[in-house]
Amino acid sequence: MADMSFKLIDRQLVYPGRKIRLEIHHLEDEAGKRTQREVVVHPGAVVILPFLDESTIILIRNRRYAIAQILLELPAGTLTRGEAPMNCAGRELREETGYLAGRLKPIGSFYSSPGIMSEKMYAFAAYDLERTQRALEEGEEIETVPIRFGDAVNMIRDGQIQDGKTIACLLMYERFFQKT
């Protein structure tokens, strides 16, 4: 693959949203050819794999307006400006499930859709959960679903789990962290 680098000539703000910005980036390659890219600028997010016990995790049923479906997912949320991913993970876990984590362990990070979006996702496992009060954001419709970890992994194969961040987090944990 040729290493073609682009120089940013101009950045045009198309939409300044609450969670994202849509920008058009005007670029020029080494040969002087101009092109543009549509970029969704996102502050980053977290996804949390909460363990109720050694083999039971918490998934959530989450209504996703953009696709008009209810998905089974792991709890997740968007970073606020300057927020550390681990702090965000603890906050989002409590907000969406009503559990506080006694311990959070980083699993890894990945880009959710790097062809169009700058969002980097930070994955954490949450242990030593303590029940507390949920604090859903306005408009969130979330139901918690305790399930065995192995059953959740099998639900990926069966198509019952279709959320990319959930699939990535479950499989990363199974492959690199699960005790055999």
N, C-alpha and C. Protein backbone atom coordinates (compact mmCIF):
# COMPACT_ATOMS: atom_id res chain seq x y z
N MET A 1 0.85 -1.18 0.00
CA MET A 1 0.00 0.00 0.00
C MET A 1 0.90 1.24 0.00
N ALA A 2 0.65 2.12 -0.91
CA ALA A 2 1.45 3.35 -1.00
C ALA A 2 1.15 4.24 0.19
N ASP A 3 2.19 4.87 0.71
CA ASP A 3 2.01 5.78 1.84
C ASP A 3 1.72 7.17 1.29
N MET A 4 0.45 7.46 1.09
CA MET A 4 0.02 8.74 0.56
C MET A 4 -0.44 9.59 1.74
N SER A 5 0.27 10.66 1.99
CA SER A 5 -0.14 11.52 3.10
C SER A 5 -0.89 12.73 2.55
N PHE A 6 -1.81 13.19 3.36
CA PHE A 6 -2.63 14.33 2.99
C PHE A 6 -2.33 15.49 3.93
N LYS A 7 -2.42 16.69 3.39
CA LYS A 7 -2.27 17.90 4.19
C LYS A 7 -3.65 18.53 4.31
N LEU A 8 -4.02 18.87 5.54
CA LEU A 8 -5.30 19.53 5.78
C LEU A 8 -5.20 20.98 5.31
N ILE A 9 -6.02 21.34 4.34
CA ILE A 9 -6.04 22.69 3.78
C ILE A 9 -7.07 23.55 4.51
N ASP A 10 -8.23 22.97 4.77
CA ASP A 10 -9.31 23.72 5.40
C ASP A 10 -10.24 22.74 6.11
N ARG A 11 -10.87 23.22 7.15
CA ARG A 11 -11.84 22.42 7.92
C ARG A 11 -13.12 23.24 7.98
N GLN A 12 -14.22 22.65 7.52
CA GLN A 12 -15.50 23.35 7.46
C GLN A 12 -16.46 22.70 8.45
N LEU A 13 -16.96 23.46 9.40
CA LEU A 13 -17.93 22.96 10.36
C LEU A 13 -19.31 22.96 9.71
N VAL A 14 -19.91 21.80 9.60
CA VAL A 14 -21.23 21.67 8.99
C VAL A 14 -22.32 21.67 10.06
N TYR A 15 -22.04 20.95 11.17
CA TYR A 15 -23.04 20.83 12.23
C TYR A 15 -22.35 20.73 13.58
N PRO A 16 -22.62 21.68 14.47
CA PRO A 16 -22.03 21.63 15.83
C PRO A 16 -23.01 21.00 16.82
N GLY A 17 -23.03 19.69 16.92
CA GLY A 17 -23.98 19.00 17.80
C GLY A 17 -23.56 18.99 19.25
N ARG A 18 -24.44 18.44 20.07
CA ARG A 18 -24.19 18.34 21.51
C ARG A 18 -23.13 17.28 21.81
N LYS A 19 -23.19 16.14 21.10
CA LYS A 19 -22.24 15.05 21.33
C LYS A 19 -21.23 14.90 20.20
N ILE A 20 -21.56 15.36 19.03
CA ILE A 20 -20.68 15.21 17.87
C ILE A 20 -20.63 16.51 17.08
N ARG A 21 -19.60 16.60 16.21
CA ARG A 21 -19.53 17.69 15.22
C ARG A 21 -19.36 17.02 13.87
N LEU A 22 -20.03 17.54 12.86
CA LEU A 22 -19.81 17.07 11.50
C LEU A 22 -18.96 18.11 10.80
N GLU A 23 -17.81 17.66 10.27
CA GLU A 23 -16.88 18.55 9.59
C GLU A 23 -16.57 18.01 8.20
N ILE A 24 -16.30 18.93 7.27
CA ILE A 24 -15.76 18.58 5.96
C ILE A 24 -14.29 18.98 6.00
N HIS A 25 -13.40 18.03 5.78
CA HIS A 25 -11.97 18.30 5.75
C HIS A 25 -11.52 18.37 4.30
N HIS A 26 -10.98 19.50 3.92
CA HIS A 26 -10.45 19.70 2.57
C HIS A 26 -8.96 19.37 2.62
N LEU A 27 -8.54 18.39 1.81
CA LEU A 27 -7.19 17.84 1.87
C LEU A 27 -6.48 18.01 0.53
N GLU A 28 -5.17 17.92 0.61
CA GLU A 28 -4.34 17.94 -0.60
C GLU A 28 -3.28 16.86 -0.44
N ASP A 29 -3.12 16.02 -1.48
CA ASP A 29 -2.09 14.98 -1.41
C ASP A 29 -0.75 15.53 -1.88
N GLU A 30 0.27 14.68 -1.85
CA GLU A 30 1.63 15.10 -2.20
C GLU A 30 1.74 15.57 -3.65
N ALA A 31 0.86 15.10 -4.52
CA ALA A 31 0.88 15.48 -5.94
C ALA A 31 0.08 16.76 -6.20
N GLY A 32 -0.54 17.31 -5.13
CA GLY A 32 -1.32 18.54 -5.29
C GLY A 32 -2.78 18.31 -5.60
N LYS A 33 -3.21 17.04 -5.65
CA LYS A 33 -4.61 16.73 -5.92
C LYS A 33 -5.44 16.98 -4.66
N ARG A 34 -6.56 17.65 -4.85
CA ARG A 34 -7.44 17.98 -3.72
C ARG A 34 -8.58 16.97 -3.60
N THR A 35 -8.94 16.73 -2.35
CA THR A 35 -10.05 15.83 -2.05
C THR A 35 -10.68 16.30 -0.75
N GLN A 36 -11.77 15.72 -0.38
CA GLN A 36 -12.38 16.07 0.90
C GLN A 36 -12.91 14.83 1.60
N ARG A 37 -13.00 14.92 2.91
CA ARG A 37 -13.53 13.84 3.74
C ARG A 37 -14.59 14.42 4.67
N GLU A 38 -15.66 13.66 4.83
CA GLU A 38 -16.68 13.99 5.82
C GLU A 38 -16.26 13.29 7.11
N VAL A 39 -16.15 14.03 8.20
CA VAL A 39 -15.66 13.47 9.45
C VAL A 39 -16.64 13.80 10.58
N VAL A 40 -17.05 12.77 11.30
CA VAL A 40 -17.82 12.95 12.52
C VAL A 40 -16.81 13.00 13.66
N VAL A 41 -16.69 14.17 14.28
CA VAL A 41 -15.74 14.35 15.38
C VAL A 41 -16.47 14.01 16.68
N HIS A 42 -15.92 13.05 17.40
CA HIS A 42 -16.56 12.51 18.60
C HIS A 42 -15.55 12.53 19.74
N PRO A 43 -15.97 12.86 20.97
CA PRO A 43 -15.02 12.97 22.08
C PRO A 43 -14.50 11.64 22.62
N GLY A 44 -15.07 10.53 22.18
CA GLY A 44 -14.67 9.22 22.70
C GLY A 44 -15.73 8.68 23.64
N ALA A 45 -15.63 7.40 23.95
CA ALA A 45 -16.66 6.76 24.76
C ALA A 45 -16.07 5.57 25.50
N VAL A 46 -16.87 5.03 26.38
CA VAL A 46 -16.49 3.84 27.13
C VAL A 46 -17.55 2.76 26.95
N VAL A 47 -17.13 1.51 27.12
CA VAL A 47 -18.04 0.38 27.18
C VAL A 47 -17.60 -0.45 28.39
N ILE A 48 -18.58 -0.90 29.16
CA ILE A 48 -18.27 -1.56 30.43
C ILE A 48 -18.85 -2.97 30.43
N LEU A 49 -18.02 -3.94 30.85
CA LEU A 49 -18.41 -5.34 31.01
C LEU A 49 -18.55 -5.60 32.51
N PRO A 50 -19.79 -5.45 33.04
CA PRO A 50 -19.97 -5.59 34.49
C PRO A 50 -20.24 -7.04 34.90
N PHE A 51 -19.44 -7.53 35.86
CA PHE A 51 -19.58 -8.89 36.38
C PHE A 51 -20.32 -8.87 37.72
N LEU A 52 -21.49 -9.51 37.76
CA LEU A 52 -22.21 -9.67 39.02
C LEU A 52 -21.51 -10.71 39.89
N ASP A 53 -21.01 -11.75 39.25
CA ASP A 53 -20.18 -12.76 39.90
C ASP A 53 -19.22 -13.30 38.84
N GLU A 54 -18.54 -14.38 39.14
CA GLU A 54 -17.51 -14.89 38.25
C GLU A 54 -18.01 -15.22 36.84
N SER A 55 -19.28 -15.63 36.72
CA SER A 55 -19.79 -16.06 35.42
C SER A 55 -21.00 -15.28 34.92
N THR A 56 -21.50 -14.33 35.70
CA THR A 56 -22.71 -13.59 35.32
C THR A 56 -22.38 -12.13 35.06
N ILE A 57 -22.83 -11.63 33.91
CA ILE A 57 -22.62 -10.23 33.54
C ILE A 57 -23.97 -9.52 33.43
N ILE A 58 -23.90 -8.22 33.27
CA ILE A 58 -25.11 -7.43 33.06
C ILE A 58 -25.07 -6.87 31.65
N LEU A 59 -26.09 -7.23 30.86
CA LEU A 59 -26.35 -6.56 29.59
C LEU A 59 -27.51 -5.61 29.81
N ILE A 60 -27.72 -4.73 28.86
CA ILE A 60 -28.89 -3.85 28.93
C ILE A 60 -29.67 -3.96 27.63
N ARG A 61 -30.98 -3.82 27.74
CA ARG A 61 -31.84 -3.65 26.55
C ARG A 61 -31.96 -2.15 26.38
N ASN A 62 -31.56 -1.67 25.20
CA ASN A 62 -31.48 -0.23 24.97
C ASN A 62 -32.18 0.10 23.66
N ARG A 63 -33.16 1.00 23.72
CA ARG A 63 -33.87 1.44 22.52
C ARG A 63 -32.95 2.36 21.73
N ARG A 64 -32.68 2.00 20.48
CA ARG A 64 -31.80 2.78 19.61
C ARG A 64 -32.62 3.42 18.50
N TYR A 65 -32.86 4.69 18.65
CA TYR A 65 -33.71 5.44 17.74
C TYR A 65 -33.20 5.38 16.30
N ALA A 66 -31.88 5.54 16.09
CA ALA A 66 -31.30 5.62 14.74
C ALA A 66 -31.62 4.40 13.88
N ILE A 67 -31.78 3.23 14.51
CA ILE A 67 -32.07 2.02 13.74
C ILE A 67 -33.46 1.46 14.05
N ALA A 68 -34.22 2.16 14.88
CA ALA A 68 -35.59 1.77 15.24
C ALA A 68 -35.64 0.34 15.78
N GLN A 69 -34.70 0.04 16.69
CA GLN A 69 -34.65 -1.29 17.30
C GLN A 69 -34.24 -1.19 18.76
N ILE A 70 -34.57 -2.24 19.49
CA ILE A 70 -34.06 -2.40 20.85
C ILE A 70 -32.94 -3.42 20.76
N LEU A 71 -31.75 -3.04 21.23
CA LEU A 71 -30.58 -3.90 21.15
C LEU A 71 -30.16 -4.37 22.54
N LEU A 72 -29.56 -5.55 22.58
CA LEU A 72 -28.89 -6.04 23.78
C LEU A 72 -27.45 -5.55 23.70
N GLU A 73 -27.02 -4.82 24.71
CA GLU A 73 -25.70 -4.19 24.70
C GLU A 73 -25.09 -4.26 26.08
N LEU A 74 -23.81 -3.94 26.13
CA LEU A 74 -23.16 -3.64 27.40
C LEU A 74 -23.40 -2.16 27.69
N PRO A 75 -23.39 -1.77 28.96
CA PRO A 75 -23.51 -0.35 29.30
C PRO A 75 -22.36 0.43 28.67
N ALA A 76 -22.64 1.66 28.28
CA ALA A 76 -21.63 2.47 27.59
C ALA A 76 -22.04 3.94 27.69
N GLY A 77 -21.11 4.80 27.34
CA GLY A 77 -21.45 6.22 27.33
C GLY A 77 -20.32 7.08 26.81
N THR A 78 -20.66 8.33 26.55
CA THR A 78 -19.75 9.29 25.94
C THR A 78 -18.94 10.03 27.00
N LEU A 79 -17.67 10.21 26.71
CA LEU A 79 -16.79 11.01 27.58
C LEU A 79 -17.21 12.48 27.56
N THR A 80 -17.14 13.12 28.70
CA THR A 80 -17.31 14.57 28.73
C THR A 80 -15.93 15.20 28.57
N ARG A 81 -15.89 16.46 28.22
CA ARG A 81 -14.62 17.14 27.96
C ARG A 81 -13.69 17.02 29.17
N GLY A 82 -12.49 16.47 28.93
CA GLY A 82 -11.48 16.35 29.97
C GLY A 82 -11.67 15.18 30.93
N GLU A 83 -12.72 14.39 30.73
CA GLU A 83 -13.01 13.28 31.64
C GLU A 83 -12.12 12.08 31.34
N ALA A 84 -11.57 11.48 32.38
CA ALA A 84 -10.77 10.26 32.22
C ALA A 84 -11.70 9.10 31.88
N PRO A 85 -11.30 8.23 30.93
CA PRO A 85 -12.17 7.11 30.56
C PRO A 85 -12.61 6.25 31.74
N MET A 86 -11.71 5.99 32.71
CA MET A 86 -12.10 5.16 33.85
C MET A 86 -13.19 5.83 34.69
N ASN A 87 -13.11 7.14 34.86
CA ASN A 87 -14.15 7.87 35.60
C ASN A 87 -15.48 7.80 34.85
N CYS A 88 -15.41 7.95 33.53
CA CYS A 88 -16.62 7.86 32.71
C CYS A 88 -17.24 6.47 32.84
N ALA A 89 -16.41 5.44 32.84
CA ALA A 89 -16.91 4.07 32.96
C ALA A 89 -17.67 3.87 34.27
N GLY A 90 -17.12 4.37 35.36
CA GLY A 90 -17.81 4.26 36.65
C GLY A 90 -19.12 5.01 36.66
N ARG A 91 -19.11 6.21 36.08
CA ARG A 91 -20.33 7.05 36.03
C ARG A 91 -21.41 6.39 35.18
N GLU A 92 -21.04 5.95 33.99
CA GLU A 92 -22.02 5.35 33.08
C GLU A 92 -22.58 4.04 33.63
N LEU A 93 -21.74 3.24 34.28
CA LEU A 93 -22.22 1.99 34.88
C LEU A 93 -23.31 2.28 35.90
N ARG A 94 -23.06 3.25 36.77
CA ARG A 94 -24.06 3.60 37.79
C ARG A 94 -25.33 4.16 37.15
N GLU A 95 -25.15 5.08 36.19
CA GLU A 95 -26.32 5.70 35.55
C GLU A 95 -27.21 4.67 34.88
N GLU A 96 -26.60 3.74 34.13
CA GLU A 96 -27.40 2.83 33.30
C GLU A 96 -27.84 1.55 34.01
N THR A 97 -27.09 1.10 35.02
CA THR A 97 -27.43 -0.17 35.66
C THR A 97 -27.80 -0.05 37.13
N GLY A 98 -27.39 1.05 37.77
CA GLY A 98 -27.62 1.18 39.20
C GLY A 98 -26.59 0.44 40.03
N TYR A 99 -25.43 0.14 39.45
CA TYR A 99 -24.35 -0.52 40.20
C TYR A 99 -23.11 0.37 40.24
N LEU A 100 -22.44 0.35 41.39
CA LEU A 100 -21.12 0.96 41.55
C LEU A 100 -20.09 -0.15 41.45
N ALA A 101 -19.00 0.13 40.76
CA ALA A 101 -17.93 -0.87 40.63
C ALA A 101 -16.91 -0.66 41.74
N GLY A 102 -16.58 -1.72 42.46
CA GLY A 102 -15.52 -1.65 43.44
C GLY A 102 -14.16 -1.62 42.76
N ARG A 103 -14.12 -2.19 41.55
CA ARG A 103 -12.87 -2.28 40.80
C ARG A 103 -13.17 -2.25 39.31
N LEU A 104 -12.41 -1.43 38.57
CA LEU A 104 -12.50 -1.37 37.11
C LEU A 104 -11.15 -1.77 36.53
N LYS A 105 -11.18 -2.62 35.52
CA LYS A 105 -9.93 -3.09 34.88
C LYS A 105 -10.00 -2.79 33.39
N PRO A 106 -9.01 -2.07 32.84
CA PRO A 106 -9.01 -1.80 31.39
C PRO A 106 -8.88 -3.10 30.60
N ILE A 107 -9.69 -3.23 29.56
CA ILE A 107 -9.63 -4.39 28.66
C ILE A 107 -8.88 -4.02 27.39
N GLY A 108 -9.06 -2.80 26.92
CA GLY A 108 -8.43 -2.35 25.68
C GLY A 108 -9.19 -1.18 25.11
N SER A 109 -8.79 -0.77 23.93
CA SER A 109 -9.49 0.33 23.25
C SER A 109 -9.51 0.04 21.75
N PHE A 110 -10.43 0.69 21.06
CA PHE A 110 -10.59 0.49 19.63
C PHE A 110 -11.37 1.67 19.05
N TYR A 111 -11.29 1.83 17.74
CA TYR A 111 -12.06 2.86 17.04
C TYR A 111 -13.34 2.22 16.52
N SER A 112 -14.46 2.86 16.79
CA SER A 112 -15.75 2.26 16.45
C SER A 112 -16.05 2.26 14.95
N SER A 113 -15.67 3.30 14.24
CA SER A 113 -15.94 3.39 12.81
C SER A 113 -14.98 4.40 12.18
N PRO A 114 -13.68 4.05 12.09
CA PRO A 114 -12.66 5.02 11.71
C PRO A 114 -12.74 5.54 10.28
N GLY A 115 -13.57 4.96 9.46
CA GLY A 115 -13.73 5.47 8.11
C GLY A 115 -14.42 6.81 8.06
N ILE A 116 -15.24 7.09 9.08
CA ILE A 116 -15.99 8.35 9.09
C ILE A 116 -15.97 9.07 10.44
N MET A 117 -15.53 8.38 11.49
CA MET A 117 -15.70 8.92 12.83
C MET A 117 -14.42 8.83 13.64
N SER A 118 -14.17 9.84 14.48
CA SER A 118 -12.96 9.86 15.31
C SER A 118 -13.16 9.16 16.66
N GLU A 119 -14.34 8.64 16.94
CA GLU A 119 -14.64 8.04 18.24
C GLU A 119 -13.70 6.89 18.59
N LYS A 120 -13.02 7.03 19.73
CA LYS A 120 -12.23 5.95 20.29
C LYS A 120 -12.99 5.42 21.50
N MET A 121 -13.14 4.10 21.57
CA MET A 121 -13.86 3.48 22.67
C MET A 121 -12.85 2.81 23.60
N TYR A 122 -13.08 3.00 24.90
CA TYR A 122 -12.25 2.42 25.94
C TYR A 122 -13.10 1.37 26.66
N ALA A 123 -12.62 0.13 26.68
CA ALA A 123 -13.37 -0.97 27.28
C ALA A 123 -12.83 -1.30 28.67
N PHE A 124 -13.75 -1.53 29.60
CA PHE A 124 -13.40 -1.86 30.98
C PHE A 124 -14.24 -3.04 31.46
N ALA A 125 -13.65 -3.87 32.30
CA ALA A 125 -14.40 -4.87 33.06
C ALA A 125 -14.65 -4.27 34.43
N ALA A 126 -15.84 -4.49 34.97
CA ALA A 126 -16.21 -3.96 36.29
C ALA A 126 -16.49 -5.13 37.23
N TYR A 127 -15.87 -5.06 38.41
CA TYR A 127 -16.00 -6.14 39.39
C TYR A 127 -16.45 -5.56 40.74
N ASP A 128 -16.79 -6.47 41.67
CA ASP A 128 -17.17 -6.09 43.04
C ASP A 128 -18.29 -5.06 43.01
N LEU A 129 -19.36 -5.40 42.29
CA LEU A 129 -20.47 -4.46 42.09
C LEU A 129 -21.30 -4.31 43.36
N GLU A 130 -21.72 -3.09 43.59
CA GLU A 130 -22.58 -2.77 44.73
C GLU A 130 -23.81 -2.05 44.22
N ARG A 131 -24.99 -2.57 44.59
CA ARG A 131 -26.26 -2.00 44.12
C ARG A 131 -26.45 -0.59 44.69
N THR A 132 -26.88 0.32 43.83
CA THR A 132 -27.18 1.69 44.23
C THR A 132 -28.35 2.17 43.38
N GLN A 133 -28.52 3.46 43.23
CA GLN A 133 -29.64 4.02 42.47
C GLN A 133 -29.23 4.32 41.03
N ARG A 134 -30.09 3.95 40.07
CA ARG A 134 -29.83 4.31 38.67
C ARG A 134 -30.11 5.80 38.46
N ALA A 135 -29.49 6.36 37.43
CA ALA A 135 -29.70 7.78 37.10
C ALA A 135 -29.72 7.92 35.58
N LEU A 136 -30.77 7.39 34.96
CA LEU A 136 -30.87 7.43 33.50
C LEU A 136 -30.95 8.86 32.99
N GLU A 137 -30.35 9.09 31.82
CA GLU A 137 -30.46 10.40 31.18
C GLU A 137 -31.86 10.53 30.59
N GLU A 138 -32.29 11.77 30.37
CA GLU A 138 -33.60 12.01 29.80
C GLU A 138 -33.72 11.30 28.45
N GLY A 139 -34.82 10.55 28.28
CA GLY A 139 -35.06 9.85 27.03
C GLY A 139 -34.49 8.45 26.97
N GLU A 140 -33.67 8.05 27.96
CA GLU A 140 -33.11 6.70 27.94
C GLU A 140 -34.15 5.70 28.44
N GLU A 141 -34.31 4.61 27.70
CA GLU A 141 -35.19 3.51 28.09
C GLU A 141 -34.31 2.26 28.17
N ILE A 142 -33.87 1.94 29.37
CA ILE A 142 -32.90 0.86 29.55
C ILE A 142 -33.41 -0.13 30.58
N GLU A 143 -33.29 -1.42 30.23
CA GLU A 143 -33.65 -2.51 31.14
C GLU A 143 -32.40 -3.37 31.33
N THR A 144 -32.06 -3.69 32.58
CA THR A 144 -30.89 -4.54 32.83
C THR A 144 -31.24 -6.01 32.64
N VAL A 145 -30.27 -6.76 32.11
CA VAL A 145 -30.47 -8.18 31.81
C VAL A 145 -29.26 -8.96 32.32
N PRO A 146 -29.36 -9.59 33.51
CA PRO A 146 -28.28 -10.45 33.97
C PRO A 146 -28.22 -11.70 33.09
N ILE A 147 -27.03 -12.12 32.72
CA ILE A 147 -26.88 -13.27 31.83
C ILE A 147 -25.50 -13.89 32.05
N ARG A 148 -25.39 -15.19 31.80
CA ARG A 148 -24.09 -15.85 31.92
C ARG A 148 -23.18 -15.35 30.80
N PHE A 149 -21.90 -15.14 31.13
CA PHE A 149 -20.95 -14.62 30.15
C PHE A 149 -20.92 -15.49 28.89
N GLY A 150 -20.82 -16.81 29.06
CA GLY A 150 -20.77 -17.72 27.91
C GLY A 150 -22.01 -17.64 27.03
N ASP A 151 -23.17 -17.45 27.66
CA ASP A 151 -24.41 -17.30 26.89
C ASP A 151 -24.37 -16.02 26.06
N ALA A 152 -23.83 -14.95 26.63
CA ALA A 152 -23.73 -13.68 25.90
C ALA A 152 -22.82 -13.85 24.68
N VAL A 153 -21.70 -14.53 24.85
CA VAL A 153 -20.79 -14.78 23.72
C VAL A 153 -21.51 -15.59 22.63
N ASN A 154 -22.26 -16.60 23.03
CA ASN A 154 -23.02 -17.40 22.06
C ASN A 154 -24.08 -16.57 21.34
N MET A 155 -24.62 -15.57 22.00
CA MET A 155 -25.63 -14.70 21.40
C MET A 155 -25.04 -13.85 20.26
N ILE A 156 -23.74 -13.67 20.26
CA ILE A 156 -23.09 -12.98 19.13
C ILE A 156 -23.23 -13.86 17.89
N ARG A 157 -22.88 -15.13 18.02
CA ARG A 157 -22.95 -16.07 16.90
C ARG A 157 -24.39 -16.19 16.39
N ASP A 158 -25.34 -16.21 17.30
CA ASP A 158 -26.75 -16.38 16.94
C ASP A 158 -27.39 -15.11 16.40
N GLY A 159 -26.65 -13.99 16.42
CA GLY A 159 -27.21 -12.73 15.92
C GLY A 159 -28.11 -12.01 16.91
N GLN A 160 -28.17 -12.49 18.15
CA GLN A 160 -29.00 -11.83 19.14
C GLN A 160 -28.31 -10.59 19.71
N ILE A 161 -26.98 -10.55 19.63
CA ILE A 161 -26.22 -9.36 19.99
C ILE A 161 -25.60 -8.84 18.69
N GLN A 162 -26.00 -7.62 18.30
CA GLN A 162 -25.55 -7.03 17.04
C GLN A 162 -24.80 -5.73 17.23
N ASP A 163 -24.67 -5.26 18.45
CA ASP A 163 -24.00 -4.00 18.74
C ASP A 163 -22.49 -4.20 18.68
N GLY A 164 -21.80 -3.42 17.85
CA GLY A 164 -20.38 -3.60 17.61
C GLY A 164 -19.51 -3.46 18.84
N LYS A 165 -19.77 -2.47 19.67
CA LYS A 165 -18.92 -2.27 20.86
C LYS A 165 -19.09 -3.42 21.84
N THR A 166 -20.30 -3.95 21.93
CA THR A 166 -20.57 -5.08 22.81
C THR A 166 -19.86 -6.33 22.29
N ILE A 167 -19.95 -6.56 20.99
CA ILE A 167 -19.27 -7.71 20.38
C ILE A 167 -17.77 -7.60 20.62
N ALA A 168 -17.20 -6.43 20.34
CA ALA A 168 -15.75 -6.25 20.51
C ALA A 168 -15.33 -6.48 21.95
N CYS A 169 -16.05 -5.91 22.89
CA CYS A 169 -15.68 -6.01 24.30
C CYS A 169 -15.80 -7.45 24.80
N LEU A 170 -16.90 -8.12 24.49
CA LEU A 170 -17.08 -9.51 24.93
C LEU A 170 -15.98 -10.41 24.36
N LEU A 171 -15.70 -10.27 23.07
CA LEU A 171 -14.70 -11.14 22.46
C LEU A 171 -13.28 -10.80 22.90
N MET A 172 -12.98 -9.53 23.13
CA MET A 172 -11.66 -9.15 23.67
C MET A 172 -11.47 -9.78 25.05
N TYR A 173 -12.51 -9.69 25.88
CA TYR A 173 -12.40 -10.25 27.23
C TYR A 173 -12.24 -11.77 27.16
N GLU A 174 -13.08 -12.42 26.34
CA GLU A 174 -13.02 -13.88 26.23
C GLU A 174 -11.63 -14.33 25.76
N ARG A 175 -11.08 -13.64 24.79
CA ARG A 175 -9.82 -14.04 24.17
C ARG A 175 -8.60 -13.72 25.04
N PHE A 176 -8.61 -12.57 25.70
CA PHE A 176 -7.39 -12.10 26.36
C PHE A 176 -7.43 -12.09 27.89
N PHE A 177 -8.61 -12.18 28.50
CA PHE A 177 -8.68 -12.03 29.96
C PHE A 177 -9.37 -13.15 30.69
N GLN A 178 -10.23 -13.89 30.01
CA GLN A 178 -11.00 -14.93 30.69
C GLN A 178 -10.09 -16.04 31.18
N LYS A 179 -10.29 -16.43 32.42
CA LYS A 179 -9.53 -17.54 32.99
C LYS A 179 -10.12 -18.84 32.45
N THR A 180 -9.25 -19.75 32.03
CA THR A 180 -9.75 -21.01 31.47
C THR A 180 -9.70 -22.12 32.49
